[in-house]
């Protein structure tokens, strides 16, 4: 940028630049939503807990054009019951448009499975499935507990 560059001030960041970036992101998401209307889309969710024990859930939408991050939710204060997850997932499906969502992919724990089944009951054209990467991760975790490989897994964990 050079020595003469003057960075934006606080007021610019919170007003003009923020509004400009929000509009840019909205236009970006809308460019994908036209594809959702033509081909349908998959909503993918990924939940995780950070070091401060906050539960964060990210929602992205996949279509042939690509994947766009839709929103993140701090679900720390929410119970992880099937009903709570169902309501959260339902809000995302309604935002995208239930007529465009053909697939919902989540973790495969019992509460997520139950929430997925509730979605399938309400939205007859929506199909729920567990995330294959999550399933494989759980399989490897179980394999790592076997006596035949537990020592190697323990040594590998120390390295990483």
N, C-alpha and C. Protein backbone atom coordinates (compact mmCIF):
# COMPACT_ATOMS: atom_id res chain seq x y z
N UNK A 1 0.82 -1.19 0.00
CA UNK A 1 0.00 0.00 0.00
C UNK A 1 0.86 1.26 0.00
N UNK A 2 2.01 1.17 0.58
CA UNK A 2 2.89 2.33 0.62
C UNK A 2 2.73 3.14 1.89
N UNK A 3 3.66 4.05 2.10
CA UNK A 3 3.66 4.87 3.31
C UNK A 3 2.51 5.86 3.36
N UNK A 4 1.99 6.26 2.21
CA UNK A 4 0.93 7.26 2.16
C UNK A 4 -0.46 6.70 2.40
N UNK A 5 -0.58 5.38 2.53
CA UNK A 5 -1.89 4.75 2.70
C UNK A 5 -2.48 5.14 4.04
N UNK A 6 -3.72 5.59 4.01
CA UNK A 6 -4.44 5.93 5.23
C UNK A 6 -5.54 4.89 5.42
N UNK A 7 -5.46 4.13 6.50
CA UNK A 7 -6.43 3.06 6.72
C UNK A 7 -7.77 3.66 7.13
N UNK A 8 -8.85 2.91 6.86
CA UNK A 8 -10.18 3.39 7.25
C UNK A 8 -10.28 3.54 8.77
N UNK A 9 -11.07 4.50 9.20
CA UNK A 9 -11.26 4.69 10.63
C UNK A 9 -12.43 3.85 11.14
N UNK A 10 -12.65 3.90 12.45
CA UNK A 10 -13.70 3.11 13.09
C UNK A 10 -15.07 3.41 12.47
N UNK A 11 -15.35 4.68 12.25
CA UNK A 11 -16.66 5.06 11.69
C UNK A 11 -16.86 4.44 10.30
N UNK A 12 -15.81 4.45 9.48
CA UNK A 12 -15.91 3.87 8.13
C UNK A 12 -16.19 2.37 8.20
N UNK A 13 -15.51 1.70 9.14
CA UNK A 13 -15.70 0.26 9.27
C UNK A 13 -17.12 -0.10 9.69
N UNK A 14 -17.66 0.64 10.64
CA UNK A 14 -18.97 0.26 11.18
C UNK A 14 -20.13 0.79 10.36
N UNK A 15 -19.90 1.69 9.45
CA UNK A 15 -21.02 2.23 8.67
C UNK A 15 -20.87 1.87 7.20
N UNK A 16 -20.16 2.69 6.46
CA UNK A 16 -20.07 2.52 5.01
C UNK A 16 -19.47 1.17 4.60
N UNK A 17 -18.31 0.82 5.15
CA UNK A 17 -17.64 -0.41 4.73
C UNK A 17 -18.44 -1.65 5.15
N UNK A 18 -19.03 -1.62 6.33
CA UNK A 18 -19.85 -2.75 6.77
C UNK A 18 -21.05 -2.92 5.85
N UNK A 19 -21.76 -1.84 5.58
CA UNK A 19 -22.93 -1.90 4.70
C UNK A 19 -22.54 -2.40 3.31
N UNK A 20 -21.41 -1.91 2.82
CA UNK A 20 -20.93 -2.32 1.49
C UNK A 20 -20.61 -3.81 1.47
N UNK A 21 -19.95 -4.30 2.51
CA UNK A 21 -19.59 -5.72 2.55
C UNK A 21 -20.81 -6.60 2.76
N UNK A 22 -21.77 -6.17 3.57
CA UNK A 22 -23.00 -6.94 3.74
C UNK A 22 -23.72 -7.07 2.41
N UNK A 23 -23.81 -5.98 1.67
CA UNK A 23 -24.46 -6.02 0.36
C UNK A 23 -23.71 -6.93 -0.61
N UNK A 24 -22.40 -6.87 -0.57
CA UNK A 24 -21.59 -7.72 -1.44
C UNK A 24 -21.81 -9.21 -1.14
N UNK A 25 -21.86 -9.56 0.14
CA UNK A 25 -22.08 -10.95 0.53
C UNK A 25 -23.50 -11.38 0.15
N UNK A 26 -24.48 -10.52 0.35
CA UNK A 26 -25.86 -10.84 -0.03
C UNK A 26 -25.96 -11.10 -1.53
N UNK A 27 -25.30 -10.28 -2.33
CA UNK A 27 -25.30 -10.49 -3.78
C UNK A 27 -24.61 -11.80 -4.15
N UNK A 28 -23.55 -12.12 -3.44
CA UNK A 28 -22.83 -13.36 -3.67
C UNK A 28 -23.73 -14.56 -3.39
N UNK A 29 -24.41 -14.55 -2.25
CA UNK A 29 -25.32 -15.65 -1.90
C UNK A 29 -26.47 -15.73 -2.90
N UNK A 30 -27.01 -14.59 -3.30
CA UNK A 30 -28.10 -14.57 -4.28
C UNK A 30 -27.68 -15.15 -5.62
N UNK A 31 -26.41 -14.96 -5.99
CA UNK A 31 -25.94 -15.53 -7.26
C UNK A 31 -25.97 -17.06 -7.20
N UNK A 32 -25.80 -17.62 -6.02
CA UNK A 32 -25.91 -19.06 -5.85
C UNK A 32 -27.36 -19.51 -5.77
N UNK A 33 -28.19 -18.68 -5.16
CA UNK A 33 -29.59 -19.09 -4.94
C UNK A 33 -30.33 -19.30 -6.26
N UNK A 34 -29.91 -18.64 -7.33
CA UNK A 34 -30.55 -18.89 -8.63
C UNK A 34 -30.30 -20.33 -9.08
N UNK A 35 -29.14 -20.87 -8.74
CA UNK A 35 -28.84 -22.26 -9.07
C UNK A 35 -29.68 -23.20 -8.21
N UNK A 36 -29.91 -22.82 -6.93
CA UNK A 36 -30.74 -23.65 -6.06
C UNK A 36 -32.11 -23.85 -6.67
N UNK A 37 -32.62 -22.81 -7.30
CA UNK A 37 -33.97 -22.87 -7.88
C UNK A 37 -34.01 -23.79 -9.08
N UNK A 38 -32.90 -23.94 -9.76
CA UNK A 38 -32.84 -24.78 -10.96
C UNK A 38 -32.54 -26.24 -10.63
N UNK A 39 -31.56 -26.46 -9.76
CA UNK A 39 -31.06 -27.82 -9.52
C UNK A 39 -31.39 -28.38 -8.15
N UNK A 40 -31.83 -27.54 -7.23
CA UNK A 40 -31.97 -27.96 -5.85
C UNK A 40 -30.64 -27.83 -5.14
N UNK A 41 -30.62 -28.08 -3.83
CA UNK A 41 -29.38 -27.91 -3.08
C UNK A 41 -29.35 -28.81 -1.86
N UNK A 42 -28.18 -28.90 -1.27
CA UNK A 42 -27.95 -29.64 -0.04
C UNK A 42 -27.53 -28.66 1.04
N UNK A 43 -28.15 -28.77 2.21
CA UNK A 43 -27.72 -27.99 3.36
C UNK A 43 -26.83 -28.88 4.21
N UNK A 44 -25.63 -28.38 4.50
CA UNK A 44 -24.69 -29.13 5.32
C UNK A 44 -24.49 -28.36 6.63
N UNK A 45 -24.48 -29.09 7.73
CA UNK A 45 -24.22 -28.45 9.02
C UNK A 45 -23.04 -29.12 9.68
N UNK A 46 -22.27 -28.30 10.37
CA UNK A 46 -21.11 -28.80 11.10
C UNK A 46 -21.13 -28.12 12.46
N UNK A 47 -21.26 -28.91 13.50
CA UNK A 47 -21.25 -28.36 14.83
C UNK A 47 -19.99 -28.75 15.57
N UNK A 48 -19.48 -27.85 16.38
CA UNK A 48 -18.29 -28.14 17.15
C UNK A 48 -18.28 -27.29 18.42
N UNK A 49 -17.47 -27.70 19.37
CA UNK A 49 -17.35 -26.98 20.63
C UNK A 49 -15.94 -26.42 20.72
N UNK A 50 -15.84 -25.11 21.00
CA UNK A 50 -14.52 -24.49 21.07
C UNK A 50 -13.92 -24.66 22.47
N UNK A 51 -12.75 -24.08 22.68
CA UNK A 51 -12.04 -24.24 23.96
C UNK A 51 -12.79 -23.62 25.13
N UNK A 52 -13.68 -22.68 24.85
CA UNK A 52 -14.47 -22.03 25.91
C UNK A 52 -15.79 -22.74 26.13
N UNK A 53 -15.93 -23.94 25.57
CA UNK A 53 -17.14 -24.77 25.72
C UNK A 53 -18.38 -24.17 25.05
N UNK A 54 -18.16 -23.30 24.04
CA UNK A 54 -19.29 -22.77 23.27
C UNK A 54 -19.55 -23.72 22.10
N UNK A 55 -20.81 -24.00 21.88
CA UNK A 55 -21.20 -24.85 20.76
C UNK A 55 -21.54 -23.96 19.58
N UNK A 56 -20.82 -24.13 18.50
CA UNK A 56 -21.03 -23.34 17.30
C UNK A 56 -21.48 -24.25 16.17
N UNK A 57 -22.46 -23.79 15.41
CA UNK A 57 -22.96 -24.58 14.28
C UNK A 57 -22.85 -23.74 13.02
N UNK A 58 -22.21 -24.31 12.02
CA UNK A 58 -22.07 -23.65 10.73
C UNK A 58 -22.99 -24.32 9.73
N UNK A 59 -23.65 -23.51 8.93
CA UNK A 59 -24.54 -24.01 7.88
C UNK A 59 -24.02 -23.54 6.54
N UNK A 60 -23.86 -24.47 5.61
CA UNK A 60 -23.48 -24.12 4.25
C UNK A 60 -24.44 -24.80 3.28
N UNK A 61 -24.51 -24.23 2.09
CA UNK A 61 -25.41 -24.76 1.07
C UNK A 61 -24.58 -25.14 -0.13
N UNK A 62 -24.75 -26.37 -0.57
CA UNK A 62 -24.03 -26.89 -1.73
C UNK A 62 -24.98 -27.03 -2.91
N UNK A 63 -24.50 -26.63 -4.08
CA UNK A 63 -25.21 -26.84 -5.34
C UNK A 63 -24.13 -27.03 -6.41
N UNK A 64 -24.51 -27.39 -7.64
CA UNK A 64 -23.49 -27.60 -8.66
C UNK A 64 -22.57 -26.40 -8.90
N UNK A 65 -23.04 -25.20 -8.61
CA UNK A 65 -22.20 -24.01 -8.78
C UNK A 65 -21.09 -23.95 -7.74
N UNK A 66 -21.33 -24.56 -6.58
CA UNK A 66 -20.35 -24.55 -5.51
C UNK A 66 -21.02 -24.49 -4.15
N UNK A 67 -20.22 -24.23 -3.14
CA UNK A 67 -20.71 -24.17 -1.77
C UNK A 67 -20.60 -22.75 -1.26
N UNK A 68 -21.64 -22.34 -0.56
CA UNK A 68 -21.62 -21.01 0.05
C UNK A 68 -21.95 -21.17 1.53
N UNK A 69 -21.20 -20.46 2.36
CA UNK A 69 -21.46 -20.47 3.79
C UNK A 69 -22.68 -19.59 4.05
N UNK A 70 -23.67 -20.16 4.69
CA UNK A 70 -24.93 -19.44 4.87
C UNK A 70 -24.98 -18.69 6.19
N UNK A 71 -24.67 -19.39 7.29
CA UNK A 71 -24.70 -18.71 8.58
C UNK A 71 -24.04 -19.58 9.63
N UNK A 72 -23.68 -18.94 10.73
CA UNK A 72 -23.16 -19.62 11.91
C UNK A 72 -24.05 -19.26 13.08
N UNK A 73 -24.26 -20.22 13.96
CA UNK A 73 -25.14 -20.02 15.11
C UNK A 73 -24.38 -20.42 16.36
N UNK A 74 -24.42 -19.55 17.37
CA UNK A 74 -23.88 -19.90 18.67
C UNK A 74 -25.01 -20.61 19.41
N UNK A 75 -24.91 -21.92 19.52
CA UNK A 75 -25.96 -22.73 20.15
C UNK A 75 -25.56 -23.15 21.56
N UNK A 76 -24.68 -22.38 22.18
CA UNK A 76 -24.18 -22.72 23.51
C UNK A 76 -25.29 -22.79 24.56
N UNK A 77 -26.24 -21.89 24.46
CA UNK A 77 -27.30 -21.82 25.45
C UNK A 77 -28.48 -22.73 25.13
N UNK A 78 -28.40 -23.44 24.02
CA UNK A 78 -29.49 -24.31 23.59
C UNK A 78 -29.20 -25.74 24.02
N UNK A 79 -30.24 -26.47 24.32
CA UNK A 79 -30.05 -27.90 24.56
C UNK A 79 -29.81 -28.57 23.21
N UNK A 80 -29.19 -29.70 23.23
CA UNK A 80 -28.90 -30.41 21.97
C UNK A 80 -29.95 -31.47 21.70
N UNK A 81 -31.17 -31.23 22.17
CA UNK A 81 -32.24 -32.21 21.96
C UNK A 81 -32.63 -32.25 20.49
N UNK A 82 -33.26 -33.33 20.10
CA UNK A 82 -33.71 -33.49 18.72
C UNK A 82 -34.68 -32.37 18.35
N UNK A 83 -35.55 -32.00 19.27
CA UNK A 83 -36.54 -30.96 18.99
C UNK A 83 -35.88 -29.61 18.76
N UNK A 84 -34.89 -29.27 19.58
CA UNK A 84 -34.17 -28.00 19.42
C UNK A 84 -33.41 -27.98 18.10
N UNK A 85 -32.72 -29.09 17.80
CA UNK A 85 -31.99 -29.17 16.53
C UNK A 85 -32.95 -29.09 15.34
N UNK A 86 -34.07 -29.78 15.43
CA UNK A 86 -35.08 -29.74 14.38
C UNK A 86 -35.53 -28.30 14.11
N UNK A 87 -35.81 -27.55 15.15
CA UNK A 87 -36.26 -26.16 14.98
C UNK A 87 -35.18 -25.31 14.32
N UNK A 88 -33.94 -25.52 14.72
CA UNK A 88 -32.82 -24.79 14.13
C UNK A 88 -32.67 -25.15 12.65
N UNK A 89 -32.70 -26.44 12.34
CA UNK A 89 -32.58 -26.90 10.95
C UNK A 89 -33.76 -26.41 10.12
N UNK A 90 -34.94 -26.45 10.70
CA UNK A 90 -36.16 -26.02 10.00
C UNK A 90 -36.05 -24.56 9.60
N UNK A 91 -35.53 -23.71 10.49
CA UNK A 91 -35.36 -22.29 10.17
C UNK A 91 -34.45 -22.10 8.97
N UNK A 92 -33.39 -22.90 8.90
CA UNK A 92 -32.46 -22.79 7.77
C UNK A 92 -33.14 -23.26 6.48
N UNK A 93 -33.87 -24.36 6.55
CA UNK A 93 -34.58 -24.87 5.36
C UNK A 93 -35.58 -23.83 4.88
N UNK A 94 -36.31 -23.21 5.79
CA UNK A 94 -37.29 -22.19 5.41
C UNK A 94 -36.61 -20.96 4.82
N UNK A 95 -35.43 -20.60 5.32
CA UNK A 95 -34.69 -19.46 4.78
C UNK A 95 -34.26 -19.73 3.33
N UNK A 96 -33.73 -20.92 3.09
CA UNK A 96 -33.28 -21.28 1.74
C UNK A 96 -34.47 -21.47 0.82
N UNK A 97 -35.53 -22.05 1.33
CA UNK A 97 -36.72 -22.35 0.54
C UNK A 97 -36.92 -23.85 0.50
N UNK A 98 -37.94 -24.36 1.19
CA UNK A 98 -38.12 -25.82 1.26
C UNK A 98 -38.31 -26.47 -0.11
N UNK A 99 -38.78 -25.70 -1.07
CA UNK A 99 -38.97 -26.26 -2.42
C UNK A 99 -37.64 -26.46 -3.14
N UNK A 100 -36.54 -25.88 -2.62
CA UNK A 100 -35.23 -26.01 -3.25
C UNK A 100 -34.31 -26.99 -2.53
N UNK A 101 -34.60 -27.27 -1.27
CA UNK A 101 -33.72 -28.14 -0.47
C UNK A 101 -34.12 -29.59 -0.72
N UNK A 102 -33.20 -30.35 -1.28
CA UNK A 102 -33.47 -31.77 -1.54
C UNK A 102 -32.72 -32.68 -0.58
N UNK A 103 -31.74 -32.11 0.14
CA UNK A 103 -30.89 -32.94 0.98
C UNK A 103 -30.40 -32.14 2.18
N UNK A 104 -30.39 -32.78 3.33
CA UNK A 104 -29.84 -32.19 4.55
C UNK A 104 -28.84 -33.16 5.11
N UNK A 105 -27.62 -32.70 5.40
CA UNK A 105 -26.57 -33.57 5.89
C UNK A 105 -26.06 -33.04 7.23
N UNK A 106 -26.06 -33.93 8.24
CA UNK A 106 -25.63 -33.55 9.59
C UNK A 106 -24.76 -34.65 10.18
N UNK A 107 -24.35 -34.44 11.42
CA UNK A 107 -23.70 -35.52 12.17
C UNK A 107 -24.68 -36.67 12.34
N UNK A 108 -24.19 -37.80 12.83
CA UNK A 108 -25.07 -38.97 12.91
C UNK A 108 -25.35 -39.42 14.35
N UNK A 109 -25.20 -38.52 15.32
CA UNK A 109 -25.58 -38.90 16.68
C UNK A 109 -27.11 -38.98 16.74
N UNK A 110 -27.61 -39.66 17.76
CA UNK A 110 -29.04 -39.96 17.84
C UNK A 110 -29.92 -38.72 17.76
N UNK A 111 -29.52 -37.63 18.41
CA UNK A 111 -30.35 -36.43 18.37
C UNK A 111 -30.39 -35.80 16.98
N UNK A 112 -29.29 -35.87 16.24
CA UNK A 112 -29.26 -35.36 14.87
C UNK A 112 -30.10 -36.24 13.94
N UNK A 113 -30.01 -37.55 14.14
CA UNK A 113 -30.81 -38.49 13.34
C UNK A 113 -32.29 -38.21 13.55
N UNK A 114 -32.69 -38.05 14.81
CA UNK A 114 -34.10 -37.78 15.11
C UNK A 114 -34.55 -36.45 14.51
N UNK A 115 -33.70 -35.43 14.59
CA UNK A 115 -34.04 -34.13 13.99
C UNK A 115 -34.17 -34.27 12.48
N UNK A 116 -33.30 -35.04 11.85
CA UNK A 116 -33.38 -35.28 10.41
C UNK A 116 -34.66 -35.98 10.02
N UNK A 117 -35.05 -36.94 10.80
CA UNK A 117 -36.31 -37.66 10.53
C UNK A 117 -37.51 -36.73 10.64
N UNK A 118 -37.49 -35.82 11.63
CA UNK A 118 -38.57 -34.84 11.76
C UNK A 118 -38.64 -33.92 10.55
N UNK A 119 -37.47 -33.54 10.04
CA UNK A 119 -37.44 -32.72 8.81
C UNK A 119 -38.05 -33.46 7.64
N UNK A 120 -37.69 -34.74 7.50
CA UNK A 120 -38.24 -35.54 6.40
C UNK A 120 -39.76 -35.67 6.51
N UNK A 121 -40.26 -35.73 7.73
CA UNK A 121 -41.72 -35.82 7.90
C UNK A 121 -42.42 -34.53 7.48
N UNK A 122 -41.81 -33.39 7.83
CA UNK A 122 -42.44 -32.12 7.48
C UNK A 122 -42.26 -31.76 6.01
N UNK A 123 -41.05 -31.95 5.51
CA UNK A 123 -40.75 -31.58 4.12
C UNK A 123 -40.59 -32.87 3.31
N UNK A 124 -41.64 -33.23 2.61
CA UNK A 124 -41.70 -34.52 1.92
C UNK A 124 -40.65 -34.68 0.81
N UNK A 125 -40.11 -33.58 0.28
CA UNK A 125 -39.12 -33.67 -0.80
C UNK A 125 -37.69 -33.61 -0.27
N UNK A 126 -37.52 -33.53 1.03
CA UNK A 126 -36.20 -33.42 1.63
C UNK A 126 -35.73 -34.80 2.11
N UNK A 127 -34.48 -35.10 1.83
CA UNK A 127 -33.87 -36.36 2.25
C UNK A 127 -32.74 -36.03 3.22
N UNK A 128 -32.72 -36.65 4.40
CA UNK A 128 -31.67 -36.45 5.38
C UNK A 128 -30.67 -37.59 5.30
N UNK A 129 -29.38 -37.26 5.50
CA UNK A 129 -28.36 -38.32 5.61
C UNK A 129 -27.26 -37.86 6.55
N UNK A 130 -26.56 -38.82 7.15
CA UNK A 130 -25.43 -38.46 7.99
C UNK A 130 -24.23 -38.08 7.13
N UNK A 131 -23.35 -37.29 7.69
CA UNK A 131 -22.13 -36.89 7.00
C UNK A 131 -21.18 -38.09 6.94
N UNK A 132 -20.74 -38.44 5.75
CA UNK A 132 -19.85 -39.59 5.58
C UNK A 132 -18.53 -39.37 6.31
N UNK A 133 -17.99 -38.15 6.28
CA UNK A 133 -16.72 -37.88 6.95
C UNK A 133 -16.86 -38.08 8.46
N UNK A 134 -18.00 -37.67 9.01
CA UNK A 134 -18.24 -37.87 10.44
C UNK A 134 -18.33 -39.36 10.77
N UNK A 135 -19.02 -40.12 9.92
CA UNK A 135 -19.13 -41.57 10.12
C UNK A 135 -17.77 -42.24 10.07
N UNK A 136 -16.96 -41.87 9.09
CA UNK A 136 -15.62 -42.47 8.95
C UNK A 136 -14.75 -42.10 10.15
N UNK A 137 -14.86 -40.87 10.60
CA UNK A 137 -14.10 -40.44 11.78
C UNK A 137 -14.47 -41.29 13.00
N UNK A 138 -15.76 -41.54 13.17
CA UNK A 138 -16.20 -42.37 14.29
C UNK A 138 -15.71 -43.81 14.15
N UNK A 139 -15.70 -44.33 12.92
CA UNK A 139 -15.20 -45.69 12.67
C UNK A 139 -13.72 -45.78 13.04
N UNK A 140 -12.93 -44.79 12.57
CA UNK A 140 -11.50 -44.81 12.89
C UNK A 140 -11.27 -44.66 14.40
N UNK A 141 -12.10 -43.88 15.04
CA UNK A 141 -11.99 -43.74 16.50
C UNK A 141 -12.20 -45.09 17.18
N UNK A 142 -13.21 -45.84 16.72
CA UNK A 142 -13.47 -47.16 17.29
C UNK A 142 -12.35 -48.15 16.97
N UNK A 143 -11.84 -48.09 15.74
CA UNK A 143 -10.73 -48.97 15.35
C UNK A 143 -9.51 -48.68 16.22
N UNK A 144 -9.29 -47.39 16.52
CA UNK A 144 -8.14 -47.00 17.34
C UNK A 144 -8.18 -47.57 18.74
N UNK A 145 -9.33 -48.01 19.20
CA UNK A 145 -9.47 -48.61 20.53
C UNK A 145 -9.11 -50.09 20.55
N UNK A 146 -8.99 -50.71 19.38
CA UNK A 146 -8.66 -52.13 19.31
C UNK A 146 -7.24 -52.36 19.82
N UNK A 147 -7.05 -53.46 20.54
CA UNK A 147 -5.75 -53.77 21.11
C UNK A 147 -4.65 -53.82 20.05
N UNK A 148 -4.98 -54.34 18.87
CA UNK A 148 -3.99 -54.52 17.81
C UNK A 148 -3.38 -53.20 17.33
N UNK A 149 -4.12 -52.09 17.46
CA UNK A 149 -3.62 -50.83 16.91
C UNK A 149 -3.56 -49.69 17.94
N UNK A 150 -4.02 -49.93 19.14
CA UNK A 150 -4.10 -48.84 20.12
C UNK A 150 -2.73 -48.23 20.46
N UNK A 151 -1.69 -49.06 20.49
CA UNK A 151 -0.36 -48.55 20.78
C UNK A 151 0.13 -47.61 19.67
N UNK A 152 -0.08 -48.01 18.42
CA UNK A 152 0.32 -47.18 17.28
C UNK A 152 -0.46 -45.86 17.29
N UNK A 153 -1.76 -45.93 17.56
CA UNK A 153 -2.59 -44.73 17.60
C UNK A 153 -2.11 -43.80 18.72
N UNK A 154 -1.78 -44.36 19.85
CA UNK A 154 -1.28 -43.56 20.98
C UNK A 154 0.02 -42.85 20.63
N UNK A 155 0.94 -43.58 19.95
CA UNK A 155 2.20 -42.98 19.54
C UNK A 155 1.99 -41.90 18.50
N UNK A 156 1.07 -42.14 17.56
CA UNK A 156 0.77 -41.15 16.52
C UNK A 156 0.16 -39.90 17.15
N UNK A 157 -0.69 -40.08 18.15
CA UNK A 157 -1.29 -38.92 18.82
C UNK A 157 -0.25 -38.07 19.51
N UNK A 158 0.77 -38.71 20.08
CA UNK A 158 1.83 -37.96 20.74
C UNK A 158 2.61 -37.13 19.73
N UNK A 159 2.79 -37.66 18.53
CA UNK A 159 3.51 -36.94 17.48
C UNK A 159 2.73 -35.70 17.03
N UNK A 160 1.44 -35.90 16.83
CA UNK A 160 0.62 -34.78 16.34
C UNK A 160 0.22 -33.85 17.46
